[in-house]
Amino acid sequence: MSHELYRVIRLLEREGIHYRLDRHRDDSILITATLVGERIEIDVFEDGHVEYSRFRGNEDVEDEIPILEILLREQGRE
């Protein structure tokens, strides 16, 4: 029997969706999938269960560096 991690990866590859694998926790692998206007973070846990979060946006391109600096400073304080 195949682990759920491989099932999710095969699905992403079959659909031609770009993804990245990361490891931030001892008990899971994080798959970040990139879609148009959306990013999905999929956690596949050692025991096989899956959790995911969706992040949607308009993908506007910004070019004002002072606004970027403010955003990054604000995130650094949290």
PDB file of N, CA and C in Angstrom:
ATOM      1  N   MET A   1       0.846  -1.186   0.000  1.00  0.00           N
ATOM      2  CA  MET A   1       0.000   0.000   0.000  1.00  0.00           C
ATOM      3  C   MET A   1       0.889   1.247   0.000  1.00  0.00           C
ATOM      4  N   SER A   2       0.561   2.214  -0.839  1.00  0.00           N
ATOM      5  CA  SER A   2       1.339   3.432  -0.979  1.00  0.00           C
ATOM      6  C   SER A   2       0.956   4.446   0.092  1.00  0.00           C
ATOM      7  N   HIS A   3       1.931   5.215   0.543  1.00  0.00           N
ATOM      8  CA  HIS A   3       1.670   6.257   1.530  1.00  0.00           C
ATOM      9  C   HIS A   3       0.926   7.419   0.873  1.00  0.00           C
ATOM     10  N   GLU A   4       0.122   8.097   1.630  1.00  0.00           N
ATOM     11  CA  GLU A   4      -0.676   9.232   1.147  1.00  0.00           C
ATOM     12  C   GLU A   4       0.192  10.316   0.504  1.00  0.00           C
ATOM     13  N   LEU A   5       1.413  10.477   0.968  1.00  0.00           N
ATOM     14  CA  LEU A   5       2.327  11.455   0.394  1.00  0.00           C
ATOM     15  C   LEU A   5       2.500  11.213  -1.101  1.00  0.00           C
ATOM     16  N   TYR A   6       2.702   9.963  -1.464  1.00  0.00           N
ATOM     17  CA  TYR A   6       2.906   9.630  -2.870  1.00  0.00           C
ATOM     18  C   TYR A   6       1.631   9.814  -3.690  1.00  0.00           C
ATOM     19  N   ARG A   7       0.487   9.542  -3.083  1.00  0.00           N
ATOM     20  CA  ARG A   7      -0.786   9.738  -3.786  1.00  0.00           C
ATOM     21  C   ARG A   7      -0.974  11.211  -4.125  1.00  0.00           C
ATOM     22  N   VAL A   8      -0.687  12.110  -3.174  1.00  0.00           N
ATOM     23  CA  VAL A   8      -0.834  13.546  -3.405  1.00  0.00           C
ATOM     24  C   VAL A   8       0.160  14.014  -4.471  1.00  0.00           C
ATOM     25  N   ILE A   9       1.404  13.562  -4.389  1.00  0.00           N
ATOM     26  CA  ILE A   9       2.413  13.958  -5.381  1.00  0.00           C
ATOM     27  C   ILE A   9       2.011  13.481  -6.778  1.00  0.00           C
ATOM     28  N   ARG A  10       1.540  12.259  -6.878  1.00  0.00           N
ATOM     29  CA  ARG A  10       1.110  11.750  -8.191  1.00  0.00           C
ATOM     30  C   ARG A  10      -0.044  12.565  -8.753  1.00  0.00           C
ATOM     31  N   LEU A  11      -0.976  12.954  -7.894  1.00  0.00           N
ATOM     32  CA  LEU A  11      -2.103  13.784  -8.328  1.00  0.00           C
ATOM     33  C   LEU A  11      -1.612  15.126  -8.878  1.00  0.00           C
ATOM     34  N   LEU A  12      -0.716  15.778  -8.144  1.00  0.00           N
ATOM     35  CA  LEU A  12      -0.174  17.061  -8.588  1.00  0.00           C
ATOM     36  C   LEU A  12       0.554  16.907  -9.920  1.00  0.00           C
ATOM     37  N   GLU A  13       1.357  15.872 -10.047  1.00  0.00           N
ATOM     38  CA  GLU A  13       2.099  15.658 -11.287  1.00  0.00           C
ATOM     39  C   GLU A  13       1.170  15.326 -12.454  1.00  0.00           C
ATOM     40  N   ARG A  14       0.152  14.533 -12.195  1.00  0.00           N
ATOM     41  CA  ARG A  14      -0.802  14.182 -13.248  1.00  0.00           C
ATOM     42  C   ARG A  14      -1.528  15.424 -13.762  1.00  0.00           C
ATOM     43  N   GLU A  15      -1.814  16.365 -12.858  1.00  0.00           N
ATOM     44  CA  GLU A  15      -2.516  17.585 -13.224  1.00  0.00           C
ATOM     45  C   GLU A  15      -1.575  18.682 -13.716  1.00  0.00           C
ATOM     46  N   GLY A  16      -0.267  18.423 -13.695  1.00  0.00           N
ATOM     47  CA  GLY A  16       0.711  19.404 -14.165  1.00  0.00           C
ATOM     48  C   GLY A  16       0.848  20.608 -13.262  1.00  0.00           C
ATOM     49  N   ILE A  17       0.652  20.407 -11.960  1.00  0.00           N
ATOM     50  CA  ILE A  17       0.707  21.507 -10.987  1.00  0.00           C
ATOM     51  C   ILE A  17       2.101  21.561 -10.366  1.00  0.00           C
ATOM     52  N   HIS A  18       2.698  22.753 -10.398  1.00  0.00           N
ATOM     53  CA  HIS A  18       4.015  22.956  -9.799  1.00  0.00           C
ATOM     54  C   HIS A  18       3.897  22.819  -8.286  1.00  0.00           C
ATOM     55  N   TYR A  19       4.861  22.136  -7.685  1.00  0.00           N
ATOM     56  CA  TYR A  19       4.855  21.993  -6.229  1.00  0.00           C
ATOM     57  C   TYR A  19       6.283  21.950  -5.698  1.00  0.00           C
ATOM     58  N   ARG A  20       6.380  22.144  -4.381  1.00  0.00           N
ATOM     59  CA  ARG A  20       7.665  22.100  -3.686  1.00  0.00           C
ATOM     60  C   ARG A  20       7.465  21.312  -2.398  1.00  0.00           C
ATOM     61  N   LEU A  21       8.469  20.543  -2.009  1.00  0.00           N
ATOM     62  CA  LEU A  21       8.424  19.791  -0.754  1.00  0.00           C
ATOM     63  C   LEU A  21       9.322  20.462   0.272  1.00  0.00           C
ATOM     64  N   ASP A  22       8.831  20.565   1.492  1.00  0.00           N
ATOM     65  CA  ASP A  22       9.602  21.126   2.609  1.00  0.00           C
ATOM     66  C   ASP A  22       9.340  20.294   3.852  1.00  0.00           C
ATOM     67  N   ARG A  23      10.219  20.448   4.798  1.00  0.00           N
ATOM     68  CA  ARG A  23      10.047  19.752   6.079  1.00  0.00           C
ATOM     69  C   ARG A  23      10.234  20.769   7.196  1.00  0.00           C
ATOM     70  N   HIS A  24       9.146  21.090   7.897  1.00  0.00           N
ATOM     71  CA  HIS A  24       9.190  22.052   8.991  1.00  0.00           C
ATOM     72  C   HIS A  24       8.836  21.418  10.333  1.00  0.00           C
ATOM     73  N   ARG A  25       8.299  20.209  10.283  1.00  0.00           N
ATOM     74  CA  ARG A  25       7.888  19.506  11.494  1.00  0.00           C
ATOM     75  C   ARG A  25       8.469  18.096  11.460  1.00  0.00           C
ATOM     76  N   ASP A  26       8.586  17.499  12.617  1.00  0.00           N
ATOM     77  CA  ASP A  26       9.134  16.144  12.699  1.00  0.00           C
ATOM     78  C   ASP A  26       8.192  15.081  12.135  1.00  0.00           C
ATOM     79  N   ASP A  27       6.882  15.377  12.136  1.00  0.00           N
ATOM     80  CA  ASP A  27       5.909  14.342  11.790  1.00  0.00           C
ATOM     81  C   ASP A  27       5.191  14.577  10.469  1.00  0.00           C
ATOM     82  N   SER A  28       5.675  15.533   9.636  1.00  0.00           N
ATOM     83  CA  SER A  28       4.977  15.770   8.378  1.00  0.00           C
ATOM     84  C   SER A  28       5.906  16.327   7.303  1.00  0.00           C
ATOM     85  N   ILE A  29       5.438  16.201   6.064  1.00  0.00           N
ATOM     86  CA  ILE A  29       6.078  16.814   4.905  1.00  0.00           C
ATOM     87  C   ILE A  29       5.106  17.871   4.396  1.00  0.00           C
ATOM     88  N   LEU A  30       5.604  19.060   4.109  1.00  0.00           N
ATOM     89  CA  LEU A  30       4.773  20.136   3.581  1.00  0.00           C
ATOM     90  C   LEU A  30       4.937  20.177   2.070  1.00  0.00           C
ATOM     91  N   ILE A  31       3.821  20.099   1.363  1.00  0.00           N
ATOM     92  CA  ILE A  31       3.805  20.263  -0.088  1.00  0.00           C
ATOM     93  C   ILE A  31       3.157  21.615  -0.368  1.00  0.00           C
ATOM     94  N   THR A  32       3.876  22.493  -1.034  1.00  0.00           N
ATOM     95  CA  THR A  32       3.317  23.783  -1.421  1.00  0.00           C
ATOM     96  C   THR A  32       3.031  23.723  -2.913  1.00  0.00           C
ATOM     97  N   ALA A  33       1.751  23.819  -3.272  1.00  0.00           N
ATOM     98  CA  ALA A  33       1.327  23.766  -4.668  1.00  0.00           C
ATOM     99  C   ALA A  33       0.951  25.169  -5.120  1.00  0.00           C
ATOM    100  N   THR A  34       1.396  25.532  -6.322  1.00  0.00           N
ATOM    101  CA  THR A  34       1.158  26.867  -6.847  1.00  0.00           C
ATOM    102  C   THR A  34       0.187  26.793  -8.017  1.00  0.00           C
ATOM    103  N   LEU A  35      -0.932  27.495  -7.869  1.00  0.00           N
ATOM    104  CA  LEU A  35      -1.935  27.596  -8.923  1.00  0.00           C
ATOM    105  C   LEU A  35      -2.057  29.065  -9.317  1.00  0.00           C
ATOM    106  N   VAL A  36      -2.781  29.356 -10.365  1.00  0.00           N
ATOM    107  CA  VAL A  36      -3.021  30.751 -10.745  1.00  0.00           C
ATOM    108  C   VAL A  36      -3.950  31.364  -9.700  1.00  0.00           C
ATOM    109  N   GLY A  37      -3.468  32.408  -9.028  1.00  0.00           N
ATOM    110  CA  GLY A  37      -4.272  33.104  -8.028  1.00  0.00           C
ATOM    111  C   GLY A  37      -4.426  32.377  -6.716  1.00  0.00           C
ATOM    112  N   GLU A  38      -3.693  31.299  -6.506  1.00  0.00           N
ATOM    113  CA  GLU A  38      -3.872  30.529  -5.279  1.00  0.00           C
ATOM    114  C   GLU A  38      -2.632  29.706  -4.966  1.00  0.00           C
ATOM    115  N   ARG A  39      -2.378  29.554  -3.680  1.00  0.00           N
ATOM    116  CA  ARG A  39      -1.323  28.669  -3.195  1.00  0.00           C
ATOM    117  C   ARG A  39      -1.978  27.719  -2.200  1.00  0.00           C
ATOM    118  N   ILE A  40      -1.611  26.457  -2.266  1.00  0.00           N
ATOM    119  CA  ILE A  40      -2.156  25.473  -1.338  1.00  0.00           C
ATOM    120  C   ILE A  40      -0.994  24.849  -0.579  1.00  0.00           C
ATOM    121  N   GLU A  41      -1.080  24.871   0.745  1.00  0.00           N
ATOM    122  CA  GLU A  41      -0.088  24.215   1.595  1.00  0.00           C
ATOM    123  C   GLU A  41      -0.714  22.932   2.120  1.00  0.00           C
ATOM    124  N   ILE A  42      -0.111  21.817   1.743  1.00  0.00           N
ATOM    125  CA  ILE A  42      -0.640  20.497   2.085  1.00  0.00           C
ATOM    126  C   ILE A  42       0.339  19.822   3.039  1.00  0.00           C
ATOM    127  N   ASP A  43      -0.108  19.523   4.241  1.00  0.00           N
ATOM    128  CA  ASP A  43       0.703  18.776   5.201  1.00  0.00           C
ATOM    129  C   ASP A  43       0.293  17.317   5.136  1.00  0.00           C
ATOM    130  N   VAL A  44       1.255  16.446   4.823  1.00  0.00           N
ATOM    131  CA  VAL A  44       1.012  15.010   4.838  1.00  0.00           C
ATOM    132  C   VAL A  44       1.780  14.462   6.034  1.00  0.00           C
ATOM    133  N   PHE A  45       1.046  13.898   6.969  1.00  0.00           N
ATOM    134  CA  PHE A  45       1.631  13.453   8.229  1.00  0.00           C
ATOM    135  C   PHE A  45       2.121  12.014   8.147  1.00  0.00           C
ATOM    136  N   GLU A  46       3.006  11.699   9.052  1.00  0.00           N
ATOM    137  CA  GLU A  46       3.616  10.371   9.113  1.00  0.00           C
ATOM    138  C   GLU A  46       2.564   9.266   9.176  1.00  0.00           C
ATOM    139  N   ASP A  47       1.465   9.530   9.889  1.00  0.00           N
ATOM    140  CA  ASP A  47       0.413   8.516  10.024  1.00  0.00           C
ATOM    141  C   ASP A  47      -0.508   8.453   8.811  1.00  0.00           C
ATOM    142  N   GLY A  48      -0.267   9.317   7.790  1.00  0.00           N
ATOM    143  CA  GLY A  48      -1.033   9.262   6.558  1.00  0.00           C
ATOM    144  C   GLY A  48      -2.154  10.270   6.429  1.00  0.00           C
ATOM    145  N   HIS A  49      -2.503  10.977   7.516  1.00  0.00           N
ATOM    146  CA  HIS A  49      -3.584  11.942   7.350  1.00  0.00           C
ATOM    147  C   HIS A  49      -3.063  13.223   6.709  1.00  0.00           C
ATOM    148  N   VAL A  50      -3.968  13.936   6.058  1.00  0.00           N
ATOM    149  CA  VAL A  50      -3.619  15.110   5.264  1.00  0.00           C
ATOM    150  C   VAL A  50      -4.425  16.305   5.749  1.00  0.00           C
ATOM    151  N   GLU A  51      -3.756  17.451   5.866  1.00  0.00           N
ATOM    152  CA  GLU A  51      -4.406  18.722   6.171  1.00  0.00           C
ATOM    153  C   GLU A  51      -3.903  19.739   5.166  1.00  0.00           C
ATOM    154  N   TYR A  52      -4.761  20.687   4.767  1.00  0.00           N
ATOM    155  CA  TYR A  52      -4.298  21.702   3.821  1.00  0.00           C
ATOM    156  C   TYR A  52      -4.934  23.056   4.094  1.00  0.00           C
ATOM    157  N   SER A  53      -4.239  24.095   3.654  1.00  0.00           N
ATOM    158  CA  SER A  53      -4.722  25.478   3.753  1.00  0.00           C
ATOM    159  C   SER A  53      -4.632  26.097   2.369  1.00  0.00           C
ATOM    160  N   ARG A  54      -5.626  26.924   2.045  1.00  0.00           N
ATOM    161  CA  ARG A  54      -5.659  27.612   0.751  1.00  0.00           C
ATOM    162  C   ARG A  54      -5.447  29.103   0.975  1.00  0.00           C
ATOM    163  N   PHE A  55      -4.614  29.689   0.126  1.00  0.00           N
ATOM    164  CA  PHE A  55      -4.328  31.117   0.186  1.00  0.00           C
ATOM    165  C   PHE A  55      -4.637  31.697  -1.185  1.00  0.00           C
ATOM    166  N   ARG A  56      -5.624  32.586  -1.226  1.00  0.00           N
ATOM    167  CA  ARG A  56      -6.053  33.155  -2.501  1.00  0.00           C
ATOM    168  C   ARG A  56      -5.665  34.619  -2.580  1.00  0.00           C
ATOM    169  N   GLY A  57      -5.355  35.069  -3.780  1.00  0.00           N
ATOM    170  CA  GLY A  57      -4.988  36.465  -3.980  1.00  0.00           C
ATOM    171  C   GLY A  57      -5.231  36.873  -5.414  1.00  0.00           C
ATOM    172  N   ASN A  58      -5.021  38.141  -5.674  1.00  0.00           N
ATOM    173  CA  ASN A  58      -5.283  38.631  -7.016  1.00  0.00           C
ATOM    174  C   ASN A  58      -4.024  38.677  -7.877  1.00  0.00           C
ATOM    175  N   GLU A  59      -2.873  38.410  -7.304  1.00  0.00           N
ATOM    176  CA  GLU A  59      -1.586  38.359  -8.006  1.00  0.00           C
ATOM    177  C   GLU A  59      -1.206  39.672  -8.683  1.00  0.00           C
ATOM    178  N   ASP A  60      -1.703  40.786  -8.135  1.00  0.00           N
ATOM    179  CA  ASP A  60      -1.270  42.079  -8.659  1.00  0.00           C
ATOM    180  C   ASP A  60       0.230  42.228  -8.462  1.00  0.00           C
ATOM    181  N   VAL A  61       0.882  42.793  -9.435  1.00  0.00           N
ATOM    182  CA  VAL A  61       2.316  43.042  -9.332  1.00  0.00           C
ATOM    183  C   VAL A  61       2.516  44.444  -8.769  1.00  0.00           C
ATOM    184  N   GLU A  62       3.257  44.522  -7.691  1.00  0.00           N
ATOM    185  CA  GLU A  62       3.542  45.801  -7.040  1.00  0.00           C
ATOM    186  C   GLU A  62       5.002  46.154  -7.285  1.00  0.00           C
ATOM    187  N   ASP A  63       5.309  47.452  -7.274  1.00  0.00           N
ATOM    188  CA  ASP A  63       6.699  47.847  -7.500  1.00  0.00           C
ATOM    189  C   ASP A  63       7.183  48.952  -6.562  1.00  0.00           C
ATOM    190  N   GLU A  64       6.392  49.240  -5.528  1.00  0.00           N
ATOM    191  CA  GLU A  64       6.778  50.303  -4.600  1.00  0.00           C
ATOM    192  C   GLU A  64       7.572  49.705  -3.442  1.00  0.00           C
ATOM    193  N   ILE A  65       8.874  49.913  -3.460  1.00  0.00           N
ATOM    194  CA  ILE A  65       9.770  49.350  -2.451  1.00  0.00           C
ATOM    195  C   ILE A  65       9.430  49.828  -1.041  1.00  0.00           C
ATOM    196  N   PRO A  66       9.087  51.102  -0.817  1.00  0.00           N
ATOM    197  CA  PRO A  66       8.739  51.518   0.549  1.00  0.00           C
ATOM    198  C   PRO A  66       7.569  50.725   1.133  1.00  0.00           C
ATOM    199  N   ILE A  67       6.582  50.383   0.315  1.00  0.00           N
ATOM    200  CA  ILE A  67       5.455  49.585   0.808  1.00  0.00           C
ATOM    201  C   ILE A  67       5.923  48.169   1.138  1.00  0.00           C
ATOM    202  N   LEU A  68       6.783  47.606   0.316  1.00  0.00           N
ATOM    203  CA  LEU A  68       7.353  46.286   0.590  1.00  0.00           C
ATOM    204  C   LEU A  68       8.118  46.299   1.915  1.00  0.00           C
ATOM    205  N   GLU A  69       8.902  47.343   2.144  1.00  0.00           N
ATOM    206  CA  GLU A  69       9.657  47.445   3.397  1.00  0.00           C
ATOM    207  C   GLU A  69       8.720  47.478   4.594  1.00  0.00           C
ATOM    208  N   ILE A  70       7.634  48.219   4.499  1.00  0.00           N
ATOM    209  CA  ILE A  70       6.661  48.296   5.596  1.00  0.00           C
ATOM    210  C   ILE A  70       6.041  46.920   5.849  1.00  0.00           C
ATOM    211  N   LEU A  71       5.635  46.244   4.780  1.00  0.00           N
ATOM    212  CA  LEU A  71       5.039  44.912   4.930  1.00  0.00           C
ATOM    213  C   LEU A  71       5.992  43.944   5.615  1.00  0.00           C
ATOM    214  N   LEU A  72       7.243  43.953   5.189  1.00  0.00           N
ATOM    215  CA  LEU A  72       8.226  43.032   5.771  1.00  0.00           C
ATOM    216  C   LEU A  72       8.521  43.378   7.223  1.00  0.00           C
ATOM    217  N   ARG A  73       8.608  44.670   7.537  1.00  0.00           N
ATOM    218  CA  ARG A  73       8.823  45.077   8.931  1.00  0.00           C
ATOM    219  C   ARG A  73       7.672  44.631   9.816  1.00  0.00           C
ATOM    220  N   GLU A  74       6.436  44.816   9.332  1.00  0.00           N
ATOM    221  CA  GLU A  74       5.266  44.422  10.117  1.00  0.00           C
ATOM    222  C   GLU A  74       5.245  42.927  10.370  1.00  0.00           C
ATOM    223  N   GLN A  75       5.613  42.134   9.384  1.00  0.00           N
ATOM    224  CA  GLN A  75       5.639  40.681   9.545  1.00  0.00           C
ATOM    225  C   GLN A  75       6.743  40.260  10.500  1.00  0.00           C
ATOM    226  N   GLY A  76       7.840  40.973  10.509  1.00  0.00           N
ATOM    227  CA  GLY A  76       8.942  40.648  11.397  1.00  0.00           C
ATOM    228  C   GLY A  76       8.632  40.850  12.862  1.00  0.00           C
ATOM    229  N   ARG A  77       7.651  41.665  13.160  1.00  0.00           N
ATOM    230  CA  ARG A  77       7.274  41.953  14.556  1.00  0.00           C
ATOM    231  C   ARG A  77       6.325  40.936  15.148  1.00  0.00           C
ATOM    232  N   GLU A  78       5.707  40.131  14.313  1.00  0.00           N
ATOM    233  CA  GLU A  78       4.693  39.198  14.830  1.00  0.00           C
ATOM    234  C   GLU A  78       5.313  38.014  15.508  1.00  0.00           C
TER     235      GLU A  78
END
